[in-house]
């Protein structure tokens, strides 16, 4: 998901997406611990997606407070 797509989401959608990505991250780590993933770069991509979502949520919180 691109940053422009993330900015287009509402705050509730961002939080829902963050929860889904966090669950996905846990599942990927668990699956990778049991047996190697076919594409281990998905872990890195998911981690970065979570960071992007957290950054956008924090940016909106700061905008609301100022």
N, C-alpha and C. Protein backbone atom coordinates (compact mmCIF):
# COMPACT_ATOMS: atom_id res chain seq x y z
N UNK A 1 0.84 -1.17 0.00
CA UNK A 1 0.00 0.00 0.00
C UNK A 1 0.89 1.24 0.00
N UNK A 2 0.61 2.17 -0.89
CA UNK A 2 1.42 3.37 -1.01
C UNK A 2 1.01 4.39 0.04
N UNK A 3 1.91 5.35 0.29
CA UNK A 3 1.63 6.39 1.27
C UNK A 3 0.40 7.21 0.88
N UNK A 4 0.22 7.46 -0.41
CA UNK A 4 -0.94 8.23 -0.85
C UNK A 4 -2.24 7.46 -0.56
N UNK A 5 -2.20 6.16 -0.68
CA UNK A 5 -3.37 5.34 -0.35
C UNK A 5 -3.63 5.34 1.15
N UNK A 6 -2.57 5.35 1.94
CA UNK A 6 -2.71 5.38 3.40
C UNK A 6 -3.32 6.70 3.84
N UNK A 7 -2.88 7.81 3.23
CA UNK A 7 -3.41 9.13 3.59
C UNK A 7 -4.88 9.27 3.26
N UNK A 8 -5.36 8.51 2.28
CA UNK A 8 -6.75 8.59 1.86
C UNK A 8 -7.69 7.86 2.83
N UNK A 9 -7.15 7.02 3.70
CA UNK A 9 -7.98 6.26 4.64
C UNK A 9 -8.39 7.12 5.83
N UNK A 10 -9.53 6.78 6.42
CA UNK A 10 -9.96 7.47 7.63
C UNK A 10 -9.18 6.90 8.82
N UNK A 11 -9.30 7.56 9.96
CA UNK A 11 -8.57 7.12 11.16
C UNK A 11 -9.02 5.72 11.59
N UNK A 12 -10.31 5.46 11.53
CA UNK A 12 -10.82 4.13 11.90
C UNK A 12 -10.30 3.06 10.95
N UNK A 13 -10.26 3.38 9.66
CA UNK A 13 -9.74 2.42 8.69
C UNK A 13 -8.26 2.17 8.92
N UNK A 14 -7.53 3.21 9.30
CA UNK A 14 -6.10 3.04 9.61
C UNK A 14 -5.91 2.11 10.79
N UNK A 15 -6.70 2.30 11.82
CA UNK A 15 -6.57 1.45 13.02
C UNK A 15 -6.96 0.01 12.71
N UNK A 16 -8.00 -0.18 11.90
CA UNK A 16 -8.39 -1.54 11.50
C UNK A 16 -7.29 -2.20 10.67
N UNK A 17 -6.73 -1.45 9.75
CA UNK A 17 -5.65 -1.97 8.90
C UNK A 17 -4.42 -2.31 9.74
N UNK A 18 -4.13 -1.46 10.74
CA UNK A 18 -2.99 -1.71 11.62
C UNK A 18 -3.19 -3.00 12.41
N UNK A 19 -4.40 -3.21 12.92
CA UNK A 19 -4.68 -4.44 13.66
C UNK A 19 -4.53 -5.66 12.76
N UNK A 20 -5.02 -5.55 11.53
CA UNK A 20 -4.92 -6.67 10.59
C UNK A 20 -3.47 -6.97 10.23
N UNK A 21 -2.69 -5.92 10.00
CA UNK A 21 -1.27 -6.10 9.65
C UNK A 21 -0.48 -6.67 10.83
N UNK A 22 -0.82 -6.26 12.04
CA UNK A 22 -0.13 -6.79 13.22
C UNK A 22 -0.40 -8.28 13.37
N UNK A 23 -1.64 -8.68 13.16
CA UNK A 23 -2.00 -10.10 13.21
C UNK A 23 -1.27 -10.87 12.11
N UNK A 24 -1.22 -10.27 10.93
CA UNK A 24 -0.52 -10.90 9.81
C UNK A 24 0.97 -11.07 10.14
N UNK A 25 1.55 -10.07 10.78
CA UNK A 25 2.96 -10.13 11.16
C UNK A 25 3.22 -11.28 12.14
N UNK A 26 2.35 -11.42 13.13
CA UNK A 26 2.49 -12.51 14.09
C UNK A 26 2.40 -13.86 13.38
N UNK A 27 1.45 -13.99 12.47
CA UNK A 27 1.29 -15.25 11.74
C UNK A 27 2.52 -15.56 10.87
N UNK A 28 3.06 -14.52 10.23
CA UNK A 28 4.25 -14.74 9.40
C UNK A 28 5.45 -15.17 10.25
N UNK A 29 5.64 -14.51 11.38
CA UNK A 29 6.76 -14.88 12.25
C UNK A 29 6.62 -16.29 12.78
N UNK A 30 5.40 -16.65 13.15
CA UNK A 30 5.15 -17.99 13.65
C UNK A 30 5.40 -19.03 12.56
N UNK A 31 4.88 -18.76 11.36
CA UNK A 31 5.08 -19.70 10.25
C UNK A 31 6.56 -19.81 9.88
N UNK A 32 7.28 -18.71 9.96
CA UNK A 32 8.71 -18.72 9.63
C UNK A 32 9.52 -19.48 10.69
N UNK A 33 9.07 -19.44 11.93
CA UNK A 33 9.77 -20.16 12.99
C UNK A 33 9.60 -21.67 12.83
N UNK A 34 8.46 -22.08 12.33
CA UNK A 34 8.19 -23.50 12.15
C UNK A 34 8.93 -24.05 10.94
N UNK A 35 8.76 -23.37 9.81
CA UNK A 35 9.47 -23.76 8.60
C UNK A 35 9.72 -22.50 7.78
N UNK A 36 10.80 -22.45 7.05
CA UNK A 36 11.12 -21.23 6.29
C UNK A 36 9.99 -20.84 5.32
N UNK A 37 9.74 -19.54 5.26
CA UNK A 37 8.73 -19.04 4.33
C UNK A 37 9.25 -19.12 2.90
N UNK A 38 8.31 -19.20 1.98
CA UNK A 38 8.69 -19.20 0.58
C UNK A 38 9.30 -17.85 0.19
N UNK A 39 8.73 -16.78 0.75
CA UNK A 39 9.22 -15.43 0.48
C UNK A 39 9.41 -14.70 1.82
N UNK A 40 10.58 -14.81 2.44
CA UNK A 40 10.79 -14.18 3.74
C UNK A 40 10.78 -12.65 3.70
N UNK A 41 10.84 -12.05 2.51
CA UNK A 41 10.77 -10.59 2.40
C UNK A 41 9.40 -10.08 2.79
N UNK A 42 8.40 -10.95 2.84
CA UNK A 42 7.06 -10.53 3.27
C UNK A 42 7.08 -10.04 4.71
N UNK A 43 7.98 -10.59 5.54
CA UNK A 43 8.10 -10.14 6.92
C UNK A 43 8.56 -8.68 6.95
N UNK A 44 9.57 -8.36 6.16
CA UNK A 44 10.09 -6.99 6.10
C UNK A 44 9.03 -6.04 5.55
N UNK A 45 8.33 -6.45 4.50
CA UNK A 45 7.29 -5.61 3.90
C UNK A 45 6.17 -5.33 4.90
N UNK A 46 5.78 -6.35 5.64
CA UNK A 46 4.71 -6.19 6.63
C UNK A 46 5.16 -5.27 7.75
N UNK A 47 6.41 -5.41 8.19
CA UNK A 47 6.94 -4.55 9.25
C UNK A 47 6.93 -3.09 8.80
N UNK A 48 7.31 -2.85 7.57
CA UNK A 48 7.32 -1.48 7.04
C UNK A 48 5.91 -0.93 6.87
N UNK A 49 4.98 -1.78 6.49
CA UNK A 49 3.58 -1.36 6.36
C UNK A 49 3.04 -0.93 7.73
N UNK A 50 3.37 -1.69 8.77
CA UNK A 50 2.95 -1.33 10.13
C UNK A 50 3.55 0.02 10.52
N UNK A 51 4.81 0.23 10.19
CA UNK A 51 5.46 1.51 10.51
C UNK A 51 4.79 2.67 9.78
N UNK A 52 4.44 2.47 8.51
CA UNK A 52 3.76 3.52 7.75
C UNK A 52 2.41 3.87 8.37
N UNK A 53 1.68 2.84 8.78
CA UNK A 53 0.37 3.07 9.39
C UNK A 53 0.52 3.81 10.72
N UNK A 54 1.48 3.38 11.54
CA UNK A 54 1.71 4.06 12.82
C UNK A 54 2.12 5.51 12.62
N UNK A 55 2.94 5.77 11.62
CA UNK A 55 3.39 7.13 11.32
C UNK A 55 2.20 8.02 10.94
N UNK A 56 1.33 7.51 10.09
CA UNK A 56 0.17 8.30 9.66
C UNK A 56 -0.79 8.56 10.81
N UNK A 57 -1.00 7.55 11.67
CA UNK A 57 -1.87 7.73 12.83
C UNK A 57 -1.28 8.79 13.75
N UNK A 58 0.01 8.74 14.00
CA UNK A 58 0.67 9.72 14.86
C UNK A 58 0.62 11.12 14.25
N UNK A 59 0.81 11.22 12.94
CA UNK A 59 0.74 12.51 12.27
C UNK A 59 -0.63 13.15 12.44
N UNK A 60 -1.66 12.34 12.33
CA UNK A 60 -3.03 12.87 12.49
C UNK A 60 -3.30 13.27 13.94
N UNK A 61 -2.76 12.52 14.89
CA UNK A 61 -2.91 12.90 16.30
C UNK A 61 -2.25 14.25 16.57
N UNK A 62 -1.07 14.45 16.03
CA UNK A 62 -0.36 15.72 16.22
C UNK A 62 -1.10 16.88 15.54
N UNK A 63 -1.68 16.63 14.37
CA UNK A 63 -2.45 17.67 13.70
C UNK A 63 -3.68 18.06 14.52
N UNK A 64 -4.32 17.08 15.12
CA UNK A 64 -5.53 17.32 15.90
C UNK A 64 -5.22 18.11 17.16
N UNK A 65 -4.02 17.91 17.73
CA UNK A 65 -3.64 18.60 18.97
C UNK A 65 -3.15 20.01 18.75
N UNK A 66 -2.77 20.34 17.53
CA UNK A 66 -2.22 21.69 17.30
C UNK A 66 -3.25 22.63 16.70
